[in-house]
C-alpha atoms as a PDB file:
ATOM      1  CA  MET A   1      75.466 104.164 134.936  1.00  0.00           C
ATOM      2  CA  MET A   2      77.234 102.205 132.205  1.00  0.00           C
ATOM      3  CA  LYS A   3      79.321  99.282 133.353  1.00  0.00           C
ATOM      4  CA  VAL A   4      82.840  99.421 131.956  1.00  0.00           C
ATOM      5  CA  LYS A   5      84.531  96.050 131.656  1.00  0.00           C
ATOM      6  CA  THR A   6      88.255  96.056 132.219  1.00  0.00           C
ATOM      7  CA  PRO A   7      90.288  93.408 130.393  1.00  0.00           C
ATOM      8  CA  THR A   8      91.651  90.585 132.518  1.00  0.00           C
ATOM      9  CA  LYS A   9      93.973  88.913 130.009  1.00  0.00           C
ATOM     10  CA  GLY A  10      97.389  90.389 129.306  1.00  0.00           C
ATOM     11  CA  LYS A  11      97.085  89.972 125.535  1.00  0.00           C
ATOM     12  CA  ILE A  12      93.893  92.096 125.448  1.00  0.00           C
ATOM     13  CA  LYS A  13      95.456  94.752 127.688  1.00  0.00           C
ATOM     14  CA  ARG A  14      98.489  95.049 125.399  1.00  0.00           C
ATOM     15  CA  ALA A  15      96.265  95.316 122.305  1.00  0.00           C
ATOM     16  CA  LEU A  16      94.220  98.132 123.895  1.00  0.00           C
ATOM     17  CA  GLU A  17      97.351  99.969 125.043  1.00  0.00           C
ATOM     18  CA  LYS A  18      98.731  99.748 121.498  1.00  0.00           C
ATOM     19  CA  ARG A  19      95.606 101.443 120.120  1.00  0.00           C
ATOM     20  CA  ALA A  20      95.342 104.073 122.857  1.00  0.00           C
ATOM     21  CA  PRO A  21      96.449 107.695 122.180  1.00  0.00           C
ATOM     22  CA  LYS A  22     100.170 108.236 122.776  1.00  0.00           C
ATOM     23  CA  LEU A  23     102.278 111.292 123.547  1.00  0.00           C
ATOM     24  CA  VAL A  24     104.673 110.256 120.775  1.00  0.00           C
ATOM     25  CA  GLU A  25     102.598 108.863 117.905  1.00  0.00           C
ATOM     26  CA  THR A  26     103.797 106.222 115.497  1.00  0.00           C
ATOM     27  CA  GLY A  27     102.998 106.161 111.756  1.00  0.00           C
ATOM     28  CA  LYS A  28      99.362 106.926 110.905  1.00  0.00           C
ATOM     29  CA  LYS A  29      97.225 104.449 108.975  1.00  0.00           C
ATOM     30  CA  THR A  30      94.833 105.775 106.332  1.00  0.00           C
ATOM     31  CA  LEU A  31      91.254 104.618 105.805  1.00  0.00           C
ATOM     32  CA  ILE A  32      90.004 105.026 102.215  1.00  0.00           C
ATOM     33  CA  LEU A  33      86.277 104.621 101.570  1.00  0.00           C
ATOM     34  CA  GLN A  34      83.482 105.924  99.348  1.00  0.00           C
ATOM     35  CA  GLY A  35      79.861 107.058  99.579  1.00  0.00           C
ATOM     36  CA  THR A  36      76.693 105.867  97.869  1.00  0.00           C
ATOM     37  CA  LYS A  37      77.599 107.439  94.542  1.00  0.00           C
ATOM     38  CA  THR A  38      81.022 107.962  92.944  1.00  0.00           C
ATOM     39  CA  SER A  39      82.393 108.716  89.496  1.00  0.00           C
ATOM     40  CA  GLY A  40      85.057 106.991  87.416  1.00  0.00           C
ATOM     41  CA  VAL A  41      87.498 109.823  88.108  1.00  0.00           C
ATOM     42  CA  LEU A  42      86.928 109.602  91.851  1.00  0.00           C
ATOM     43  CA  ASN A  43      87.369 105.819  91.886  1.00  0.00           C
ATOM     44  CA  SER A  44      90.711 106.247  90.110  1.00  0.00           C
ATOM     45  CA  VAL A  45      91.765 108.904  92.623  1.00  0.00           C
ATOM     46  CA  LEU A  46      90.945 106.684  95.611  1.00  0.00           C
ATOM     47  CA  THR A  47      92.679 103.672  94.016  1.00  0.00           C
ATOM     48  CA  GLU A  48      95.881 105.602  93.313  1.00  0.00           C
ATOM     49  CA  ILE A  49      95.961 107.134  96.796  1.00  0.00           C
ATOM     50  CA  TYR A  50      95.726 103.577  98.110  1.00  0.00           C
ATOM     51  CA  HIS A  51      98.665 102.503  95.896  1.00  0.00           C
ATOM     52  CA  LEU A  52     100.750 105.459  97.108  1.00  0.00           C
ATOM     53  CA  LYS A  53      99.966 104.572 100.737  1.00  0.00           C
ATOM     54  CA  LYS A  54     100.260 100.810 100.289  1.00  0.00           C
ATOM     55  CA  GLY A  55     101.331  99.122 103.486  1.00  0.00           C
ATOM     56  CA  SER A  56      99.794 101.810 105.719  1.00  0.00           C
ATOM     57  CA  ALA A  57      96.276 102.081 104.257  1.00  0.00           C
ATOM     58  CA  VAL A  58      92.957 100.211 104.408  1.00  0.00           C
ATOM     59  CA  ARG A  59      90.630 100.347 101.378  1.00  0.00           C
ATOM     60  CA  TYR A  60      86.844  99.813 101.600  1.00  0.00           C
ATOM     61  CA  THR A  61      85.191  99.338  98.195  1.00  0.00           C
ATOM     62  CA  ARG A  62      81.577  98.928  99.326  1.00  0.00           C
ATOM     63  CA  LYS A  63      79.125 101.828  99.273  1.00  0.00           C
ATOM     64  CA  ASN A  64      78.547 103.467 102.661  1.00  0.00           C
ATOM     65  CA  ASP A  65      75.108 105.049 103.052  1.00  0.00           C
ATOM     66  CA  ASN A  66      75.543 106.260 106.620  1.00  0.00           C
ATOM     67  CA  VAL A  67      78.833 108.148 106.134  1.00  0.00           C
ATOM     68  CA  ARG A  68      78.137 111.872 105.742  1.00  0.00           C
ATOM     69  CA  PRO A  69      80.930 114.145 106.973  1.00  0.00           C
ATOM     70  CA  PHE A  70      80.027 117.721 108.007  1.00  0.00           C
ATOM     71  CA  GLU A  71      76.548 116.473 109.032  1.00  0.00           C
ATOM     72  CA  SER A  72      75.329 115.674 112.543  1.00  0.00           C
ATOM     73  CA  GLY A  73      74.923 111.927 112.965  1.00  0.00           C
ATOM     74  CA  GLY A  74      76.779 111.161 109.751  1.00  0.00           C
ATOM     75  CA  GLU A  75      80.148 110.745 111.476  1.00  0.00           C
ATOM     76  CA  THR A  76      79.254 107.810 113.745  1.00  0.00           C
ATOM     77  CA  SER A  77      80.062 105.200 111.099  1.00  0.00           C
ATOM     78  CA  LEU A  78      83.386 106.890 110.352  1.00  0.00           C
ATOM     79  CA  GLU A  79      84.362 106.738 114.028  1.00  0.00           C
ATOM     80  CA  PHE A  80      83.336 103.068 114.152  1.00  0.00           C
ATOM     81  CA  PHE A  81      85.470 102.232 111.086  1.00  0.00           C
ATOM     82  CA  SER A  82      88.379 104.176 112.584  1.00  0.00           C
ATOM     83  CA  LEU A  83      88.149 102.167 115.803  1.00  0.00           C
ATOM     84  CA  LYS A  84      87.826  98.891 113.891  1.00  0.00           C
ATOM     85  CA  THR A  85      90.816  99.453 111.588  1.00  0.00           C
ATOM     86  CA  ASP A  86      92.905 101.608 113.996  1.00  0.00           C
ATOM     87  CA  CYS A  87      93.207 104.386 111.374  1.00  0.00           C
ATOM     88  CA  SER A  88      93.780 107.988 112.451  1.00  0.00           C
ATOM     89  CA  ILE A  89      93.257 109.661 109.063  1.00  0.00           C
ATOM     90  CA  PHE A  90      90.634 108.965 106.379  1.00  0.00           C
ATOM     91  CA  VAL A  91      89.873 109.861 102.744  1.00  0.00           C
ATOM     92  CA  PHE A  92      86.199 109.769 101.756  1.00  0.00           C
ATOM     93  CA  GLY A  93      85.019 110.132  98.139  1.00  0.00           C
ATOM     94  CA  SER A  94      81.517 111.022  96.933  1.00  0.00           C
ATOM     95  CA  HIS A  95      79.933 112.428  93.781  1.00  0.00           C
ATOM     96  CA  ALA A  96      76.825 114.617  93.490  1.00  0.00           C
ATOM     97  CA  LYS A  97      75.463 117.277  91.166  1.00  0.00           C
ATOM     98  CA  LYS A  98      76.069 119.991  93.754  1.00  0.00           C
ATOM     99  CA  ARG A  99      79.579 118.764  94.614  1.00  0.00           C
ATOM    100  CA  PRO A 100      81.067 116.655  91.785  1.00  0.00           C
ATOM    101  CA  ASN A 101      84.203 114.569  92.416  1.00  0.00           C
ATOM    102  CA  ASN A 102      84.151 115.469  96.093  1.00  0.00           C
ATOM    103  CA  LEU A 103      87.000 114.393  98.364  1.00  0.00           C
ATOM    104  CA  VAL A 104      86.893 114.756 102.163  1.00  0.00           C
ATOM    105  CA  ILE A 105      90.134 114.312 104.119  1.00  0.00           C
ATOM    106  CA  GLY A 106      89.836 114.142 107.886  1.00  0.00           C
ATOM    107  CA  ARG A 107      91.934 113.392 110.923  1.00  0.00           C
ATOM    108  CA  MET A 108      90.949 111.480 114.063  1.00  0.00           C
ATOM    109  CA  TYR A 109      91.870 111.898 117.709  1.00  0.00           C
ATOM    110  CA  ASP A 110      91.045 109.004 120.040  1.00  0.00           C
ATOM    111  CA  HIS A 111      88.877 107.638 117.183  1.00  0.00           C
ATOM    112  CA  HIS A 112      86.723 110.783 117.087  1.00  0.00           C
ATOM    113  CA  ILE A 113      86.614 113.395 114.314  1.00  0.00           C
ATOM    114  CA  TYR A 114      89.321 116.018 114.883  1.00  0.00           C
ATOM    115  CA  ASP A 115      89.101 118.192 111.737  1.00  0.00           C
ATOM    116  CA  LEU A 116      87.842 118.010 108.148  1.00  0.00           C
ATOM    117  CA  VAL A 117      88.857 119.414 104.758  1.00  0.00           C
ATOM    118  CA  GLU A 118      86.666 119.120 101.658  1.00  0.00           C
ATOM    119  CA  VAL A 119      88.124 119.581  98.160  1.00  0.00           C
ATOM    120  CA  GLY A 120      86.985 119.033  94.595  1.00  0.00           C
ATOM    121  CA  VAL A 121      89.153 117.053  92.164  1.00  0.00           C
ATOM    122  CA  GLU A 122      89.770 118.538  88.702  1.00  0.00           C
ATOM    123  CA  ASN A 123      92.188 117.862  85.810  1.00  0.00           C
ATOM    124  CA  PHE A 124      93.097 114.421  87.148  1.00  0.00           C
ATOM    125  CA  LYS A 125      95.883 112.443  85.423  1.00  0.00           C
ATOM    126  CA  SER A 126      96.604 108.873  86.474  1.00  0.00           C
ATOM    127  CA  MET A 127      99.971 107.112  86.659  1.00  0.00           C
ATOM    128  CA  GLU A 128      99.231 105.219  83.450  1.00  0.00           C
ATOM    129  CA  SER A 129      99.047 108.453  81.428  1.00  0.00           C
ATOM    130  CA  TYR A 130     102.754 109.214  82.128  1.00  0.00           C
ATOM    131  CA  SER A 131     105.604 107.620  80.203  1.00  0.00           C
ATOM    132  CA  TYR A 132     108.987 107.390  81.960  1.00  0.00           C
ATOM    133  CA  ASP A 133     111.822 104.991  82.644  1.00  0.00           C
ATOM    134  CA  LYS A 134     110.447 102.357  85.022  1.00  0.00           C
ATOM    135  CA  LYS A 135     113.848 101.989  86.680  1.00  0.00           C
ATOM    136  CA  ILE A 136     113.314 105.279  88.540  1.00  0.00           C
ATOM    137  CA  SER A 137     109.782 104.457  89.714  1.00  0.00           C
ATOM    138  CA  PRO A 138     109.439 105.007  93.491  1.00  0.00           C
ATOM    139  CA  ARG A 139     109.549 102.000  95.787  1.00  0.00           C
ATOM    140  CA  ILE A 140     106.638 101.067  98.041  1.00  0.00           C
ATOM    141  CA  GLY A 141     106.964 102.553 101.521  1.00  0.00           C
ATOM    142  CA  SER A 142     109.834 104.931 100.709  1.00  0.00           C
ATOM    143  CA  LYS A 143     110.073 108.266 102.497  1.00  0.00           C
ATOM    144  CA  PRO A 144     109.026 111.279 100.354  1.00  0.00           C
ATOM    145  CA  PHE A 145     109.999 114.929 100.050  1.00  0.00           C
ATOM    146  CA  ILE A 146     106.960 117.207 100.404  1.00  0.00           C
ATOM    147  CA  VAL A 147     107.253 120.668  98.838  1.00  0.00           C
ATOM    148  CA  PHE A 148     104.726 123.493  99.310  1.00  0.00           C
ATOM    149  CA  VAL A 149     105.137 126.311  96.785  1.00  0.00           C
ATOM    150  CA  GLY A 150     103.255 129.596  97.047  1.00  0.00           C
ATOM    151  CA  GLU A 151     102.453 132.332  99.564  1.00  0.00           C
ATOM    152  CA  GLY A 152      98.891 131.058  99.927  1.00  0.00           C
ATOM    153  CA  PHE A 153     100.058 128.322 102.302  1.00  0.00           C
ATOM    154  CA  GLU A 154     101.255 131.050 104.692  1.00  0.00           C
ATOM    155  CA  ASN A 155      98.527 133.688 104.250  1.00  0.00           C
ATOM    156  CA  VAL A 156      95.219 131.950 103.431  1.00  0.00           C
ATOM    157  CA  GLU A 157      93.571 130.180 106.392  1.00  0.00           C
ATOM    158  CA  GLU A 158      91.978 127.423 104.268  1.00  0.00           C
ATOM    159  CA  LEU A 159      95.255 126.586 102.533  1.00  0.00           C
ATOM    160  CA  LYS A 160      97.096 126.533 105.869  1.00  0.00           C
ATOM    161  CA  HIS A 161      94.645 123.920 107.088  1.00  0.00           C
ATOM    162  CA  LEU A 162      94.957 121.935 103.835  1.00  0.00           C
ATOM    163  CA  LYS A 163      98.748 121.980 104.185  1.00  0.00           C
ATOM    164  CA  GLU A 164      98.570 120.409 107.673  1.00  0.00           C
ATOM    165  CA  VAL A 165      96.204 117.673 106.496  1.00  0.00           C
ATOM    166  CA  LEU A 166      98.242 116.858 103.369  1.00  0.00           C
ATOM    167  CA  LEU A 167     101.410 116.614 105.465  1.00  0.00           C
ATOM    168  CA  ASP A 168      99.789 114.052 107.761  1.00  0.00           C
ATOM    169  CA  LEU A 169      98.395 112.141 104.787  1.00  0.00           C
ATOM    170  CA  LEU A 170     101.564 111.936 102.673  1.00  0.00           C
ATOM    171  CA  ARG A 171     104.575 111.971 104.983  1.00  0.00           C
ATOM    172  CA  GLY A 172     104.327 108.407 106.347  1.00  0.00           C
ATOM    173  CA  GLU A 173     106.183 107.387 109.468  1.00  0.00           C
ATOM    174  CA  VAL A 174     108.167 110.057 111.310  1.00  0.00           C
ATOM    175  CA  VAL A 175     111.902 109.254 111.498  1.00  0.00           C
ATOM    176  CA  GLU A 176     114.841 110.994 113.170  1.00  0.00           C
ATOM    177  CA  SER A 177     117.502 110.381 110.514  1.00  0.00           C
ATOM    178  CA  LEU A 178     117.292 109.792 106.779  1.00  0.00           C
ATOM    179  CA  ASN A 179     119.644 108.510 104.079  1.00  0.00           C
ATOM    180  CA  ILE A 180     119.537 110.711 100.956  1.00  0.00           C
ATOM    181  CA  ALA A 181     120.156 107.698  98.710  1.00  0.00           C
ATOM    182  CA  GLY A 182     116.900 106.153  99.940  1.00  0.00           C
ATOM    183  CA  ILE A 183     114.708 109.129  98.926  1.00  0.00           C
ATOM    184  CA  ASP A 184     113.178 108.441  95.533  1.00  0.00           C
ATOM    185  CA  ARG A 185     109.968 110.479  95.419  1.00  0.00           C
ATOM    186  CA  ALA A 186     108.581 113.970  96.025  1.00  0.00           C
ATOM    187  CA  TYR A 187     105.103 115.472  96.349  1.00  0.00           C
ATOM    188  CA  VAL A 188     104.896 119.011  94.975  1.00  0.00           C
ATOM    189  CA  CYS A 189     101.930 121.153  96.105  1.00  0.00           C
ATOM    190  CA  THR A 190     101.603 124.523  94.345  1.00  0.00           C
ATOM    191  CA  ALA A 191      99.125 127.182  95.457  1.00  0.00           C
ATOM    192  CA  VAL A 192      97.779 128.405  92.097  1.00  0.00           C
ATOM    193  CA  SER A 193      95.226 130.767  93.682  1.00  0.00           C
ATOM    194  CA  SER A 194      93.593 131.379  97.067  1.00  0.00           C
ATOM    195  CA  ASN A 195      91.338 128.300  96.681  1.00  0.00           C
ATOM    196  CA  ARG A 196      93.184 126.025  94.222  1.00  0.00           C
ATOM    197  CA  VAL A 197      96.203 123.760  94.759  1.00  0.00           C
ATOM    198  CA  PHE A 198      98.015 121.723  92.094  1.00  0.00           C
ATOM    199  CA  LEU A 199      99.278 118.404  93.508  1.00  0.00           C
ATOM    200  CA  THR A 200     101.678 116.171  91.587  1.00  0.00           C
ATOM    201  CA  HIS A 201     103.818 113.140  92.365  1.00  0.00           C
ATOM    202  CA  CYS A 202     107.408 113.034  91.047  1.00  0.00           C
ATOM    203  CA  ALA A 203     110.260 110.556  91.064  1.00  0.00           C
ATOM    204  CA  LEU A 204     113.744 111.719  92.070  1.00  0.00           C
ATOM    205  CA  ARG A 205     116.716 111.017  89.826  1.00  0.00           C
ATOM    206  CA  LEU A 206     120.120 111.462  91.492  1.00  0.00           C
ATOM    207  CA  LYS A 207     122.991 112.717  89.299  1.00  0.00           C
ATOM    208  CA  ARG A 208     126.601 113.670  89.871  1.00  0.00           C
ATOM    209  CA  SER A 209     127.221 117.239  90.955  1.00  0.00           C
ATOM    210  CA  GLY A 210     130.962 117.267  91.733  1.00  0.00           C
ATOM    211  CA  THR A 211     130.250 117.519  95.481  1.00  0.00           C
ATOM    212  CA  ILE A 212     129.125 115.135  98.222  1.00  0.00           C
ATOM    213  CA  VAL A 213     125.473 116.141  97.786  1.00  0.00           C
ATOM    214  CA  PRO A 214     124.108 114.798  94.472  1.00  0.00           C
ATOM    215  CA  ARG A 215     122.075 116.861  92.011  1.00  0.00           C
ATOM    216  CA  MET A 216     118.404 115.930  91.957  1.00  0.00           C
ATOM    217  CA  GLU A 217     116.066 115.970  88.995  1.00  0.00           C
ATOM    218  CA  LEU A 218     112.277 115.656  89.206  1.00  0.00           C
ATOM    219  CA  VAL A 219     110.489 113.314  86.787  1.00  0.00           C
ATOM    220  CA  GLU A 220     106.706 113.504  86.904  1.00  0.00           C
ATOM    221  CA  VAL A 221     105.263 110.000  87.327  1.00  0.00           C
ATOM    222  CA  GLY A 222     101.720 110.799  88.473  1.00  0.00           C
ATOM    223  CA  PRO A 223      99.123 111.024  89.697  1.00  0.00           C
ATOM    224  CA  SER A 224      98.488 114.757  89.404  1.00  0.00           C
ATOM    225  CA  MET A 225      95.320 116.762  90.076  1.00  0.00           C
ATOM    226  CA  ASP A 226      93.908 120.157  90.982  1.00  0.00           C
ATOM    227  CA  LEU A 227      92.375 120.400  94.461  1.00  0.00           C
ATOM    228  CA  VAL A 228      89.703 123.118  94.741  1.00  0.00           C
ATOM    229  CA  MET A 229      88.866 124.146  98.316  1.00  0.00           C
ATOM    230  CA  ARG A 230      85.197 123.849  99.276  1.00  0.00           C
ATOM    231  CA  ARG A 231      84.632 123.476 103.022  1.00  0.00           C
ATOM    232  CA  HIS A 232      86.794 122.942 106.072  1.00  0.00           C
ATOM    233  CA  ARG A 233      86.188 122.530 109.794  1.00  0.00           C
ATOM    234  CA  LEU A 234      88.802 123.284 112.418  1.00  0.00           C
ATOM    235  CA  PRO A 235      88.867 121.505 115.803  1.00  0.00           C
ATOM    236  CA  ASN A 236      87.574 123.314 118.874  1.00  0.00           C
ATOM    237  CA  GLU A 237      90.114 124.802 121.246  1.00  0.00           C
ATOM    238  CA  GLY A 238      89.699 122.220 124.018  1.00  0.00           C
ATOM    239  CA  LEU A 239      90.179 119.284 121.652  1.00  0.00           C
ATOM    240  CA  ARG A 240      93.188 120.964 120.044  1.00  0.00           C
ATOM    241  CA  LYS A 241      94.896 121.418 123.424  1.00  0.00           C
ATOM    242  CA  GLU A 242      94.221 117.791 124.329  1.00  0.00           C
ATOM    243  CA  ALA A 243      95.575 116.517 120.995  1.00  0.00           C
ATOM    244  CA  MET A 244      98.645 118.785 121.028  1.00  0.00           C
ATOM    245  CA  LYS A 245      99.722 117.669 124.479  1.00  0.00           C
ATOM    246  CA  THR A 246     103.376 116.683 124.547  1.00  0.00           C
ATOM    247  CA  SER A 247     105.569 114.997 127.127  1.00  0.00           C
ATOM    248  CA  ILE A 248     107.562 117.263 129.409  1.00  0.00           C
ATOM    249  CA  ASP A 249     111.271 116.685 129.018  1.00  0.00           C
ATOM    250  CA  LYS A 250     112.533 115.880 132.500  1.00  0.00           C
ATOM    251  CA  PRO A 251     115.885 117.449 133.409  1.00  0.00           C
ATOM    252  CA  LYS A 252     118.694 114.936 133.474  1.00  0.00           C
ATOM    253  CA  LYS A 253     119.552 113.858 137.001  1.00  0.00           C
ATOM    254  CA  LYS A 254     122.954 115.151 138.075  1.00  0.00           C
ATOM    255  CA  GLU A 255     125.529 112.414 138.610  1.00  0.00           C
ATOM    256  CA  LYS A 256     127.566 112.927 141.748  1.00  0.00           C
ATOM    257  CA  ASN A 257     131.351 112.712 141.681  1.00  0.00           C
ATOM    258  CA  VAL A 258     131.435 112.305 137.879  1.00  0.00           C
ATOM    259  CA  SER A 259     133.158 114.686 135.469  1.00  0.00           C
ATOM    260  CA  GLN A 260     133.935 114.740 131.753  1.00  0.00           C
ATOM    261  CA  ASP A 261     137.371 115.174 130.267  1.00  0.00           C
ATOM    262  CA  ALA A 262     138.124 115.902 126.598  1.00  0.00           C
ATOM    263  CA  ILE A 263     140.930 113.325 126.498  1.00  0.00           C
ATOM    264  CA  GLN A 264     140.154 110.766 129.200  1.00  0.00           C
ATOM    265  CA  GLY A 265     136.379 110.894 128.788  1.00  0.00           C
ATOM    266  CA  LYS A 266     134.236 110.094 131.809  1.00  0.00           C
ATOM    267  CA  ILE A 267     136.081 110.366 135.136  1.00  0.00           C
ATOM    268  CA  GLY A 268     134.629 109.246 138.466  1.00  0.00           C
ATOM    269  CA  LYS A 269     135.754 109.813 142.071  1.00  0.00           C
ATOM    270  CA  ILE A 270     135.474 106.998 144.626  1.00  0.00           C
ATOM    271  CA  TYR A 271     135.510 107.837 148.339  1.00  0.00           C
ATOM    272  CA  ILE A 272     136.744 105.022 150.636  1.00  0.00           C
ATOM    273  CA  PRO A 273     136.066 105.297 154.410  1.00  0.00           C
ATOM    274  CA  ASP A 274     138.936 105.180 156.936  1.00  0.00           C
ATOM    275  CA  GLN A 275     140.054 101.612 157.577  1.00  0.00           C
ATOM    276  CA  LYS A 276     140.400 100.716 161.293  1.00  0.00           C
ATOM    277  CA  VAL A 277     143.345  98.390 161.015  1.00  0.00           C
ATOM    278  CA  GLY A 278     143.752  97.932 164.797  1.00  0.00           C
ATOM    279  CA  ASP A 279     140.279  96.442 165.207  1.00  0.00           C
ATOM    280  CA  MET A 280     140.623  94.004 162.338  1.00  0.00           C
ATOM    281  CA  LYS A 281     141.069  90.285 163.025  1.00  0.00           C
ATOM    282  CA  VAL A 282     144.272  89.156 161.349  1.00  0.00           C
ATOM    283  CA  ILE A 283     144.414  85.492 160.411  1.00  0.00           C
ATOM    284  CA  ASN A 284     148.018  84.351 160.216  1.00  0.00           C
ATOM    285  CA  LYS A 285     148.397  81.073 158.383  1.00  0.00           C
ATOM    286  CA  SER A 286     152.160  81.060 157.928  1.00  0.00           C
ATOM    287  CA  LYS A 287     153.994  77.732 158.167  1.00  0.00           C
ATOM    288  CA  GLY A 288     156.125  78.836 161.118  1.00  0.00           C
ATOM    289  CA  VAL A 289     153.118  79.561 163.256  1.00  0.00           C
ATOM    290  CA  LYS A 290     151.564  76.227 162.323  1.00  0.00           C
ATOM    291  CA  ARG A 291     154.763  74.409 163.406  1.00  0.00           C
ATOM    292  CA  GLU A 292     154.788  76.165 166.773  1.00  0.00           C
ATOM    293  CA  ARG A 293     151.168  75.182 167.325  1.00  0.00           C
ATOM    294  CA  ARG A 294     151.908  71.556 166.506  1.00  0.00           C
ATOM    295  CA  GLU A 295     154.844  71.512 168.963  1.00  0.00           C
ATOM    296  CA  ALA A 296     152.744  73.078 171.692  1.00  0.00           C
ATOM    297  CA  LYS A 297     150.023  70.489 171.135  1.00  0.00           C
ATOM    298  CA  LEU A 298     152.540  67.647 171.302  1.00  0.00           C
ATOM    299  CA  ASN A 299     153.958  69.049 174.535  1.00  0.00           C
ATOM    300  CA  ARG A 300     150.482  69.221 176.036  1.00  0.00           C
ATOM    301  CA  ASP A 301     149.740  65.683 174.946  1.00  0.00           C
ATOM    302  CA  GLY A 302     153.038  64.409 176.340  1.00  0.00           C
ATOM    303  CA  HIS A 303     152.427  66.104 179.698  1.00  0.00           C
ATOM    304  CA  GLY A 304     148.942  64.646 179.876  1.00  0.00           C
ATOM    305  CA  LEU A 305     150.215  61.106 179.229  1.00  0.00           C
ATOM    306  CA  ALA A 306     152.878  61.439 181.941  1.00  0.00           C
ATOM    307  CA  SER A 307     150.327  62.550 184.564  1.00  0.00           C
ATOM    308  CA  LYS A 308     148.130  59.561 183.721  1.00  0.00           C
ATOM    309  CA  LYS A 309     151.072  57.150 184.238  1.00  0.00           C
ATOM    310  CA  LEU A 310     151.795  58.709 187.599  1.00  0.00           C
ATOM    311  CA  LYS A 311     148.246  58.168 188.761  1.00  0.00           C
ATOM    312  CA  GLU A 312     148.285  54.559 187.653  1.00  0.00           C
ATOM    313  CA  SER A 313     151.545  53.897 189.506  1.00  0.00           C
ATOM    314  CA  ILE A 314     150.194  55.432 192.723  1.00  0.00           C
END
């Protein structure tokens, strides 16, 4: 049997707990790497994805011979890199005659491969090929709108899977509330056909509309590309159930003797037990009582002195 060493230091325990799977996940980090052979187009794609995800992405520029998704034994290095960098989603680029400009996007669960989507990149346009006012360029780390246009994302199984993966890749950290003034970018995904999706990156320009909600205009800032579906692999049912596990919302414990009022707010009732006044020891420290005690003490002292004198005289 393998011997499992448990950490003894608190710092190591906290670091392992931070990396462990959680019921409520925080923002996902992205690992971007490449295979033994890539093209100029694919290098530009990986570089611009890294710039879009800057702050929550790790970029490996060396060639990786052992990384071969969709093949048995070719996923061990990916799982090792995921554990090393604490990344739960990866983008892997490779180029071959059979599959040119190949992009594999995958998700991890507990640093093991969860699912995979393979697409081909066509009609790529970089950010530098677009001319626009630099004042409206999106800020690093800003929260984006993500728009999916087309019935294919609801009807075609491959596009449904691609939609889930793109959402995890592009959305960033999950937040509960959002300020509209802070949104300055949008990703638009259009299902052109049953196996082709047009992806573009746009900046948002806010203009007056005469109401509280401003009018928004989209300005294409790049990059943009066509993603052609090739292969995809869904997770098995057992792994899906384990990954989709959520915390059970415990019912709120009922507070006794507490009620809510629309005007007064929170109202509480306090129950005081019966006070047994007859059994209580009353300490009376009034001045009159003190004077009586002093007089009684003087009388006792005077009587004692008189008795002593009598004894001496006898």
